[in-house]
PDB file of all heavy atoms in Angstrom:
ATOM      1  N   ILE A   1      24.553  16.309  26.062  1.00  0.00           N
ATOM      2  CA  ILE A   1      25.057  17.614  25.776  1.00  0.00           C
ATOM      3  C   ILE A   1      26.157  17.943  26.963  1.00  0.00           C
ATOM      4  O   ILE A   1      26.112  17.404  28.009  1.00  0.00           O
ATOM      5  CB  ILE A   1      24.157  18.754  25.725  1.00  0.00           C
ATOM      6  CG1 ILE A   1      23.311  18.867  27.166  1.00  0.00           C
ATOM      7  CG2 ILE A   1      23.050  18.356  24.549  1.00  0.00           C
ATOM      8  CD1 ILE A   1      22.396  20.087  27.213  1.00  0.00           C
ATOM      9  N   THR A   2      27.011  18.856  26.517  1.00  0.00           N
ATOM     10  CA  THR A   2      27.858  19.466  27.442  1.00  0.00           C
ATOM     11  C   THR A   2      27.688  21.053  27.463  1.00  0.00           C
ATOM     12  O   THR A   2      27.791  21.573  26.285  1.00  0.00           O
ATOM     13  CB  THR A   2      29.391  19.197  27.194  1.00  0.00           C
ATOM     14  OG1 THR A   2      29.458  17.754  27.347  1.00  0.00           O
ATOM     15  CG2 THR A   2      30.336  19.751  28.216  1.00  0.00           C
ATOM     16  N   GLU A   3      27.446  21.658  28.442  1.00  0.00           N
ATOM     17  CA  GLU A   3      27.297  23.173  28.613  1.00  0.00           C
ATOM     18  C   GLU A   3      28.597  23.784  28.581  1.00  0.00           C
ATOM     19  O   GLU A   3      29.510  23.341  29.323  1.00  0.00           O
ATOM     20  CB  GLU A   3      26.459  23.628  29.781  1.00  0.00           C
ATOM     21  CG  GLU A   3      24.957  23.064  29.687  1.00  0.00           C
ATOM     22  CD  GLU A   3      24.179  23.541  30.813  1.00  0.00           C
ATOM     23  OE1 GLU A   3      24.607  24.510  31.440  1.00  0.00           O
ATOM     24  OE2 GLU A   3      23.074  22.928  31.042  1.00  0.00           O
ATOM     25  N   TRP A   4      28.859  24.831  27.742  1.00  0.00           N
ATOM     26  CA  TRP A   4      30.150  25.536  27.695  1.00  0.00           C
ATOM     27  C   TRP A   4      30.017  26.967  28.249  1.00  0.00           C
ATOM     28  O   TRP A   4      29.002  27.605  28.156  1.00  0.00           O
ATOM     29  CB  TRP A   4      30.478  25.621  26.301  1.00  0.00           C
ATOM     30  CG  TRP A   4      30.834  24.273  25.591  1.00  0.00           C
ATOM     31  CD1 TRP A   4      29.938  23.382  25.160  1.00  0.00           C
ATOM     32  CD2 TRP A   4      32.139  23.728  25.450  1.00  0.00           C
ATOM     33  NE1 TRP A   4      30.618  22.265  24.720  1.00  0.00           N
ATOM     34  CE2 TRP A   4      31.902  22.422  24.870  1.00  0.00           C
ATOM     35  CE3 TRP A   4      33.394  24.151  25.730  1.00  0.00           C
ATOM     36  CZ2 TRP A   4      32.920  21.527  24.546  1.00  0.00           C
ATOM     37  CZ3 TRP A   4      34.471  23.245  25.466  1.00  0.00           C
ATOM     38  CH2 TRP A   4      34.225  22.055  24.804  1.00  0.00           C
ATOM     39  N   ASP A   5      31.034  27.319  28.931  1.00  0.00           N
ATOM     40  CA  ASP A   5      31.174  28.746  29.518  1.00  0.00           C
ATOM     41  C   ASP A   5      32.240  29.433  28.759  1.00  0.00           C
ATOM     42  O   ASP A   5      33.250  28.985  28.238  1.00  0.00           O
ATOM     43  CB  ASP A   5      31.564  28.651  30.957  1.00  0.00           C
ATOM     44  CG  ASP A   5      30.521  28.050  31.844  1.00  0.00           C
ATOM     45  OD1 ASP A   5      29.332  28.157  31.429  1.00  0.00           O
ATOM     46  OD2 ASP A   5      30.791  27.523  32.870  1.00  0.00           O
ATOM     47  N   ASP A   6      31.885  30.726  28.393  1.00  0.00           N
ATOM     48  CA  ASP A   6      32.873  31.628  27.664  1.00  0.00           C
ATOM     49  C   ASP A   6      33.518  32.632  28.374  1.00  0.00           C
ATOM     50  O   ASP A   6      32.864  33.206  29.389  1.00  0.00           O
ATOM     51  CB  ASP A   6      32.003  32.252  26.544  1.00  0.00           C
ATOM     52  CG  ASP A   6      31.516  31.240  25.466  1.00  0.00           C
ATOM     53  OD1 ASP A   6      31.950  30.219  25.321  1.00  0.00           O
ATOM     54  OD2 ASP A   6      30.418  31.668  24.824  1.00  0.00           O
ATOM     55  N   PHE A   7      34.788  32.807  28.113  1.00  0.00           N
ATOM     56  CA  PHE A   7      35.557  33.846  28.854  1.00  0.00           C
ATOM     57  C   PHE A   7      36.385  34.449  27.611  1.00  0.00           C
ATOM     58  O   PHE A   7      36.813  33.924  26.762  1.00  0.00           O
ATOM     59  CB  PHE A   7      36.462  33.271  29.846  1.00  0.00           C
ATOM     60  CG  PHE A   7      35.801  32.608  30.995  1.00  0.00           C
ATOM     61  CD1 PHE A   7      35.505  31.089  30.946  1.00  0.00           C
ATOM     62  CD2 PHE A   7      35.253  33.341  32.072  1.00  0.00           C
ATOM     63  CE1 PHE A   7      34.896  30.586  31.919  1.00  0.00           C
ATOM     64  CE2 PHE A   7      34.581  32.663  33.030  1.00  0.00           C
ATOM     65  CZ  PHE A   7      34.344  31.242  33.012  1.00  0.00           C
ATOM     66  N   THR A   8      36.728  35.721  27.941  1.00  0.00           N
ATOM     67  CA  THR A   8      37.689  36.440  27.000  1.00  0.00           C
ATOM     68  C   THR A   8      39.109  36.514  27.482  1.00  0.00           C
ATOM     69  O   THR A   8      39.266  36.554  28.714  1.00  0.00           O
ATOM     70  CB  THR A   8      37.118  38.009  26.754  1.00  0.00           C
ATOM     71  OG1 THR A   8      37.055  38.545  28.014  1.00  0.00           O
ATOM     72  CG2 THR A   8      35.712  37.860  26.080  1.00  0.00           C
ATOM     73  N   GLY A   9      39.998  36.587  26.574  1.00  0.00           N
ATOM     74  CA  GLY A   9      41.386  36.664  26.957  1.00  0.00           C
ATOM     75  C   GLY A   9      42.242  37.139  25.818  1.00  0.00           C
ATOM     76  O   GLY A   9      41.779  37.352  24.652  1.00  0.00           O
ATOM     77  N   ARG A  10      43.551  36.867  25.882  1.00  0.00           N
ATOM     78  CA  ARG A  10      44.399  37.295  24.790  1.00  0.00           C
ATOM     79  C   ARG A  10      45.552  36.241  24.796  1.00  0.00           C
ATOM     80  O   ARG A  10      45.950  35.497  25.651  1.00  0.00           O
ATOM     81  CB  ARG A  10      45.090  38.720  25.007  1.00  0.00           C
ATOM     82  CG  ARG A  10      44.049  39.747  24.862  1.00  0.00           C
ATOM     83  CD  ARG A  10      44.768  41.104  24.708  1.00  0.00           C
ATOM     84  NE  ARG A  10      43.730  42.251  24.645  1.00  0.00           N
ATOM     85  CZ  ARG A  10      43.274  42.561  23.517  1.00  0.00           C
ATOM     86  NH1 ARG A  10      43.663  42.023  22.373  1.00  0.00           N
ATOM     87  NH2 ARG A  10      42.295  43.535  23.389  1.00  0.00           N
ATOM     88  N   PHE A  11      46.070  36.045  23.516  1.00  0.00           N
ATOM     89  CA  PHE A  11      47.171  35.087  23.286  1.00  0.00           C
ATOM     90  C   PHE A  11      48.424  35.660  23.682  1.00  0.00           C
ATOM     91  O   PHE A  11      48.605  36.855  23.624  1.00  0.00           O
ATOM     92  CB  PHE A  11      47.085  34.709  21.746  1.00  0.00           C
ATOM     93  CG  PHE A  11      45.954  33.888  21.272  1.00  0.00           C
ATOM     94  CD1 PHE A  11      44.849  34.367  20.685  1.00  0.00           C
ATOM     95  CD2 PHE A  11      46.068  32.498  21.460  1.00  0.00           C
ATOM     96  CE1 PHE A  11      43.894  33.594  20.347  1.00  0.00           C
ATOM     97  CE2 PHE A  11      44.961  31.658  21.066  1.00  0.00           C
ATOM     98  CZ  PHE A  11      43.978  32.302  20.505  1.00  0.00           C
ATOM     99  N   ALA A  12      49.339  34.719  24.028  1.00  0.00           N
ATOM    100  CA  ALA A  12      50.688  35.134  24.455  1.00  0.00           C
ATOM    101  C   ALA A  12      51.680  34.078  23.891  1.00  0.00           C
ATOM    102  O   ALA A  12      51.300  32.859  23.905  1.00  0.00           O
ATOM    103  CB  ALA A  12      50.826  35.305  25.986  1.00  0.00           C
ATOM    104  N   ALA A  13      52.907  34.449  23.581  1.00  0.00           N
ATOM    105  CA  ALA A  13      53.927  33.531  23.178  1.00  0.00           C
ATOM    106  C   ALA A  13      54.326  32.815  24.294  1.00  0.00           C
ATOM    107  O   ALA A  13      54.502  33.160  25.454  1.00  0.00           O
ATOM    108  CB  ALA A  13      55.107  34.310  22.520  1.00  0.00           C
ATOM    109  N   VAL A  14      54.702  31.453  24.025  1.00  0.00           N
ATOM    110  CA  VAL A  14      55.292  30.592  25.014  1.00  0.00           C
ATOM    111  C   VAL A  14      56.600  31.220  25.475  1.00  0.00           C
ATOM    112  O   VAL A  14      56.987  31.144  26.705  1.00  0.00           O
ATOM    113  CB  VAL A  14      55.370  29.032  24.517  1.00  0.00           C
ATOM    114  CG1 VAL A  14      56.157  28.270  25.470  1.00  0.00           C
ATOM    115  CG2 VAL A  14      54.097  28.585  24.181  1.00  0.00           C
ATOM    116  N   ASP A  15      57.415  31.469  24.433  1.00  0.00           N
ATOM    117  CA  ASP A  15      58.779  32.125  24.830  1.00  0.00           C
ATOM    118  C   ASP A  15      58.900  33.420  24.055  1.00  0.00           C
ATOM    119  O   ASP A  15      58.542  33.589  22.965  1.00  0.00           O
ATOM    120  CB  ASP A  15      59.985  31.180  24.287  1.00  0.00           C
ATOM    121  CG  ASP A  15      59.891  29.812  25.004  1.00  0.00           C
ATOM    122  OD1 ASP A  15      59.913  29.748  26.198  1.00  0.00           O
ATOM    123  OD2 ASP A  15      59.930  28.752  24.230  1.00  0.00           O
ATOM    124  N   SER A  16      59.539  34.427  24.809  1.00  0.00           N
ATOM    125  CA  SER A  16      59.819  35.671  24.317  1.00  0.00           C
ATOM    126  C   SER A  16      61.143  36.176  24.717  1.00  0.00           C
ATOM    127  O   SER A  16      61.502  36.089  25.989  1.00  0.00           O
ATOM    128  CB  SER A  16      58.719  36.689  24.638  1.00  0.00           C
ATOM    129  OG  SER A  16      58.996  37.892  24.188  1.00  0.00           O
ATOM    130  N   VAL A  17      62.011  36.589  23.726  1.00  0.00           N
ATOM    131  CA  VAL A  17      63.472  36.915  24.289  1.00  0.00           C
ATOM    132  C   VAL A  17      63.766  38.217  23.691  1.00  0.00           C
ATOM    133  O   VAL A  17      63.560  38.522  22.388  1.00  0.00           O
ATOM    134  CB  VAL A  17      64.382  35.832  23.693  1.00  0.00           C
ATOM    135  CG1 VAL A  17      65.774  36.207  23.981  1.00  0.00           C
ATOM    136  CG2 VAL A  17      64.122  34.376  24.287  1.00  0.00           C
ATOM    137  N   ASP A  18      64.364  39.113  24.488  1.00  0.00           N
ATOM    138  CA  ASP A  18      65.015  40.387  23.990  1.00  0.00           C
ATOM    139  C   ASP A  18      66.400  39.880  23.689  1.00  0.00           C
ATOM    140  O   ASP A  18      67.240  39.610  24.500  1.00  0.00           O
ATOM    141  CB  ASP A  18      64.915  41.403  25.057  1.00  0.00           C
ATOM    142  CG  ASP A  18      63.502  42.023  25.122  1.00  0.00           C
ATOM    143  OD1 ASP A  18      62.714  41.914  24.323  1.00  0.00           O
ATOM    144  OD2 ASP A  18      63.207  42.463  26.280  1.00  0.00           O
ATOM    145  N   VAL A  19      66.834  40.017  22.436  1.00  0.00           N
ATOM    146  CA  VAL A  19      68.254  39.699  22.018  1.00  0.00           C
ATOM    147  C   VAL A  19      69.174  40.760  22.381  1.00  0.00           C
ATOM    148  O   VAL A  19      68.949  41.960  21.939  1.00  0.00           O
ATOM    149  CB  VAL A  19      68.096  39.380  20.447  1.00  0.00           C
ATOM    150  CG1 VAL A  19      69.581  38.932  20.053  1.00  0.00           C
ATOM    151  CG2 VAL A  19      67.122  38.223  20.111  1.00  0.00           C
ATOM    152  N   ARG A  20      70.131  40.402  23.158  1.00  0.00           N
ATOM    153  CA  ARG A  20      71.116  41.502  23.523  1.00  0.00           C
ATOM    154  C   ARG A  20      72.520  40.822  23.141  1.00  0.00           C
ATOM    155  O   ARG A  20      72.698  39.594  23.062  1.00  0.00           O
ATOM    156  CB  ARG A  20      71.167  41.732  24.949  1.00  0.00           C
ATOM    157  CG  ARG A  20      69.911  42.417  25.483  1.00  0.00           C
ATOM    158  CD  ARG A  20      70.050  42.675  27.075  1.00  0.00           C
ATOM    159  NE  ARG A  20      69.000  43.613  27.478  1.00  0.00           N
ATOM    160  CZ  ARG A  20      67.752  43.436  27.736  1.00  0.00           C
ATOM    161  NH1 ARG A  20      67.345  42.101  27.825  1.00  0.00           N
ATOM    162  NH2 ARG A  20      66.869  44.276  28.243  1.00  0.00           N
ATOM    163  N   ALA A  21      73.541  41.731  22.890  1.00  0.00           N
ATOM    164  CA  ALA A  21      74.806  41.314  22.595  1.00  0.00           C
ATOM    165  C   ALA A  21      75.562  41.066  23.978  1.00  0.00           C
ATOM    166  O   ALA A  21      75.254  41.704  24.970  1.00  0.00           O
ATOM    167  CB  ALA A  21      75.638  42.402  21.925  1.00  0.00           C
ATOM    168  N   ARG A  22      76.411  40.018  23.872  1.00  0.00           N
ATOM    169  CA  ARG A  22      77.190  39.583  25.147  1.00  0.00           C
ATOM    170  C   ARG A  22      78.572  40.399  25.236  1.00  0.00           C
ATOM    171  O   ARG A  22      79.295  40.244  26.247  1.00  0.00           O
ATOM    172  CB  ARG A  22      77.455  38.155  25.118  1.00  0.00           C
ATOM    173  CG  ARG A  22      76.149  37.369  25.180  1.00  0.00           C
ATOM    174  CD  ARG A  22      76.476  35.908  25.477  1.00  0.00           C
ATOM    175  NE  ARG A  22      75.168  35.086  25.613  1.00  0.00           N
ATOM    176  CZ  ARG A  22      75.090  33.807  25.957  1.00  0.00           C
ATOM    177  NH1 ARG A  22      76.265  33.230  26.223  1.00  0.00           N
ATOM    178  NH2 ARG A  22      73.986  33.103  25.959  1.00  0.00           N
ATOM    179  N   VAL A  23      78.901  41.064  24.162  1.00  0.00           N
ATOM    180  CA  VAL A  23      80.159  41.859  24.126  1.00  0.00           C
ATOM    181  C   VAL A  23      79.699  43.175  23.612  1.00  0.00           C
ATOM    182  O   VAL A  23      78.876  43.404  22.826  1.00  0.00           O
ATOM    183  CB  VAL A  23      81.285  41.055  23.237  1.00  0.00           C
ATOM    184  CG1 VAL A  23      81.632  39.862  23.925  1.00  0.00           C
ATOM    185  CG2 VAL A  23      80.808  40.871  21.818  1.00  0.00           C
ATOM    186  N   SER A  24      80.627  44.113  23.903  1.00  0.00           N
ATOM    187  CA  SER A  24      80.455  45.510  23.487  1.00  0.00           C
ATOM    188  C   SER A  24      81.210  45.707  22.116  1.00  0.00           C
ATOM    189  O   SER A  24      82.286  44.979  21.784  1.00  0.00           O
ATOM    190  CB  SER A  24      81.028  46.529  24.483  1.00  0.00           C
ATOM    191  OG  SER A  24      80.281  46.368  25.642  1.00  0.00           O
ATOM    192  N   GLY A  25      80.734  46.680  21.390  1.00  0.00           N
ATOM    193  CA  GLY A  25      81.413  46.908  20.091  1.00  0.00           C
ATOM    194  C   GLY A  25      80.386  47.502  19.091  1.00  0.00           C
ATOM    195  O   GLY A  25      79.367  47.890  19.396  1.00  0.00           O
ATOM    196  N   TYR A  26      80.910  47.765  17.837  1.00  0.00           N
ATOM    197  CA  TYR A  26      80.172  48.416  16.837  1.00  0.00           C
ATOM    198  C   TYR A  26      79.547  47.346  15.984  1.00  0.00           C
ATOM    199  O   TYR A  26      80.189  46.374  15.617  1.00  0.00           O
ATOM    200  CB  TYR A  26      80.980  49.377  15.970  1.00  0.00           C
ATOM    201  CG  TYR A  26      81.423  50.580  16.723  1.00  0.00           C
ATOM    202  CD1 TYR A  26      82.692  50.637  17.421  1.00  0.00           C
ATOM    203  CD2 TYR A  26      80.787  51.741  16.705  1.00  0.00           C
ATOM    204  CE1 TYR A  26      83.041  51.736  18.220  1.00  0.00           C
ATOM    205  CE2 TYR A  26      81.086  52.963  17.329  1.00  0.00           C
ATOM    206  CZ  TYR A  26      82.242  52.912  18.143  1.00  0.00           C
ATOM    207  OH  TYR A  26      82.640  53.985  18.765  1.00  0.00           O
ATOM    208  N   VAL A  27      78.259  47.579  15.589  1.00  0.00           N
ATOM    209  CA  VAL A  27      77.534  46.643  14.780  1.00  0.00           C
ATOM    210  C   VAL A  27      78.143  46.662  13.393  1.00  0.00           C
ATOM    211  O   VAL A  27      78.255  47.703  12.669  1.00  0.00           O
ATOM    212  CB  VAL A  27      76.083  46.960  14.683  1.00  0.00           C
ATOM    213  CG1 VAL A  27      75.345  46.059  13.684  1.00  0.00           C
ATOM    214  CG2 VAL A  27      75.473  46.823  16.066  1.00  0.00           C
ATOM    215  N   ASP A  28      78.570  45.499  12.875  1.00  0.00           N
ATOM    216  CA  ASP A  28      79.249  45.354  11.584  1.00  0.00           C
ATOM    217  C   ASP A  28      78.338  44.908  10.455  1.00  0.00           C
ATOM    218  O   ASP A  28      78.388  45.426   9.386  1.00  0.00           O
ATOM    219  CB  ASP A  28      80.489  44.430  11.692  1.00  0.00           C
ATOM    220  CG  ASP A  28      81.251  44.440  10.403  1.00  0.00           C
ATOM    221  OD1 ASP A  28      81.400  45.480   9.902  1.00  0.00           O
ATOM    222  OD2 ASP A  28      81.713  43.335  10.011  1.00  0.00           O
ATOM    223  N   LYS A  29      77.299  43.965  10.935  1.00  0.00           N
ATOM    224  CA  LYS A  29      76.456  43.510   9.830  1.00  0.00           C
ATOM    225  C   LYS A  29      74.986  43.232  10.565  1.00  0.00           C
ATOM    226  O   LYS A  29      75.033  42.842  11.739  1.00  0.00           O
ATOM    227  CB  LYS A  29      76.935  42.257   9.154  1.00  0.00           C
ATOM    228  CG  LYS A  29      78.254  42.287   8.349  1.00  0.00           C
ATOM    229  CD  LYS A  29      78.576  41.081   7.829  1.00  0.00           C
ATOM    230  CE  LYS A  29      79.888  41.088   6.956  1.00  0.00           C
ATOM    231  NZ  LYS A  29      80.359  39.807   6.473  1.00  0.00           N
ATOM    232  N   VAL A  30      73.966  43.272   9.669  1.00  0.00           N
ATOM    233  CA  VAL A  30      72.689  42.660  10.191  1.00  0.00           C
ATOM    234  C   VAL A  30      72.217  41.803   9.149  1.00  0.00           C
ATOM    235  O   VAL A  30      72.101  42.112   7.955  1.00  0.00           O
ATOM    236  CB  VAL A  30      71.607  43.933  10.179  1.00  0.00           C
ATOM    237  CG1 VAL A  30      70.257  43.368  10.573  1.00  0.00           C
ATOM    238  CG2 VAL A  30      72.060  45.050  11.149  1.00  0.00           C
ATOM    239  N   THR A  31      72.045  40.518   9.566  1.00  0.00           N
ATOM    240  CA  THR A  31      71.954  39.380   8.494  1.00  0.00           C
ATOM    241  C   THR A  31      70.568  38.728   8.636  1.00  0.00           C
ATOM    242  O   THR A  31      70.444  37.496   8.387  1.00  0.00           O
ATOM    243  CB  THR A  31      73.085  38.388   8.910  1.00  0.00           C
ATOM    244  OG1 THR A  31      72.999  37.977  10.226  1.00  0.00           O
ATOM    245  CG2 THR A  31      74.379  38.962   8.726  1.00  0.00           C
ATOM    246  N   PHE A  32      69.530  39.414   9.002  1.00  0.00           N
ATOM    247  CA  PHE A  32      68.232  38.848   9.054  1.00  0.00           C
ATOM    248  C   PHE A  32      67.200  39.768   8.400  1.00  0.00           C
ATOM    249  O   PHE A  32      67.424  40.953   8.304  1.00  0.00           O
ATOM    250  CB  PHE A  32      67.866  38.414  10.437  1.00  0.00           C
ATOM    251  CG  PHE A  32      67.450  39.682  11.331  1.00  0.00           C
ATOM    252  CD1 PHE A  32      66.142  40.130  11.493  1.00  0.00           C
ATOM    253  CD2 PHE A  32      68.422  40.260  12.066  1.00  0.00           C
ATOM    254  CE1 PHE A  32      65.809  41.204  12.185  1.00  0.00           C
ATOM    255  CE2 PHE A  32      68.094  41.387  12.783  1.00  0.00           C
ATOM    256  CZ  PHE A  32      66.875  41.880  12.915  1.00  0.00           C
ATOM    257  N   GLU A  33      66.048  39.198   7.960  1.00  0.00           N
ATOM    258  CA  GLU A  33      64.995  39.995   7.374  1.00  0.00           C
ATOM    259  C   GLU A  33      63.947  40.194   8.503  1.00  0.00           C
ATOM    260  O   GLU A  33      63.433  39.198   9.156  1.00  0.00           O
ATOM    261  CB  GLU A  33      64.433  39.209   6.224  1.00  0.00           C
ATOM    262  CG  GLU A  33      63.343  40.175   5.416  1.00  0.00           C
ATOM    263  CD  GLU A  33      62.896  39.346   4.174  1.00  0.00           C
ATOM    264  OE1 GLU A  33      63.428  38.363   3.817  1.00  0.00           O
ATOM    265  OE2 GLU A  33      61.903  39.917   3.620  1.00  0.00           O
ATOM    266  N   GLU A  34      63.505  41.498   8.637  1.00  0.00           N
ATOM    267  CA  GLU A  34      62.747  41.820   9.712  1.00  0.00           C
ATOM    268  C   GLU A  34      61.281  41.159   9.579  1.00  0.00           C
ATOM    269  O   GLU A  34      60.754  41.020   8.429  1.00  0.00           O
ATOM    270  CB  GLU A  34      62.529  43.351   9.773  1.00  0.00           C
ATOM    271  CG  GLU A  34      63.725  44.087  10.141  1.00  0.00           C
ATOM    272  CD  GLU A  34      63.732  45.541   9.999  1.00  0.00           C
ATOM    273  OE1 GLU A  34      63.038  45.919   9.045  1.00  0.00           O
ATOM    274  OE2 GLU A  34      64.090  46.224  10.922  1.00  0.00           O
ATOM    275  N   GLY A  35      60.745  40.523  10.656  1.00  0.00           N
ATOM    276  CA  GLY A  35      59.439  39.980  10.585  1.00  0.00           C
ATOM    277  C   GLY A  35      59.358  38.609  10.050  1.00  0.00           C
ATOM    278  O   GLY A  35      58.245  38.141   9.879  1.00  0.00           O
ATOM    279  N   THR A  36      60.470  38.000   9.918  1.00  0.00           N
ATOM    280  CA  THR A  36      60.491  36.605   9.322  1.00  0.00           C
ATOM    281  C   THR A  36      60.687  35.610  10.408  1.00  0.00           C
ATOM    282  O   THR A  36      61.032  35.866  11.537  1.00  0.00           O
ATOM    283  CB  THR A  36      61.569  36.446   8.198  1.00  0.00           C
ATOM    284  OG1 THR A  36      62.786  36.738   8.853  1.00  0.00           O
ATOM    285  CG2 THR A  36      61.369  37.388   7.089  1.00  0.00           C
ATOM    286  N   LEU A  37      60.552  34.340  10.110  1.00  0.00           N
ATOM    287  CA  LEU A  37      60.602  33.219  10.982  1.00  0.00           C
ATOM    288  C   LEU A  37      62.176  32.844  11.048  1.00  0.00           C
ATOM    289  O   LEU A  37      62.828  32.719   9.900  1.00  0.00           O
ATOM    290  CB  LEU A  37      59.919  32.047  10.594  1.00  0.00           C
ATOM    291  CG  LEU A  37      58.386  32.159  10.664  1.00  0.00           C
ATOM    292  CD1 LEU A  37      57.775  30.895  10.194  1.00  0.00           C
ATOM    293  CD2 LEU A  37      57.931  32.471  12.054  1.00  0.00           C
TER     294      LEU A  37
END
């Protein structure tokens, strides 16, 4: 047998990015569906 120890925790994404624009201006189009891959 192998004895197991239990601990609690939470999942986290390997990568997380806040998408920002690199140039200033007015938003002309939004071309993605929210919550999708």
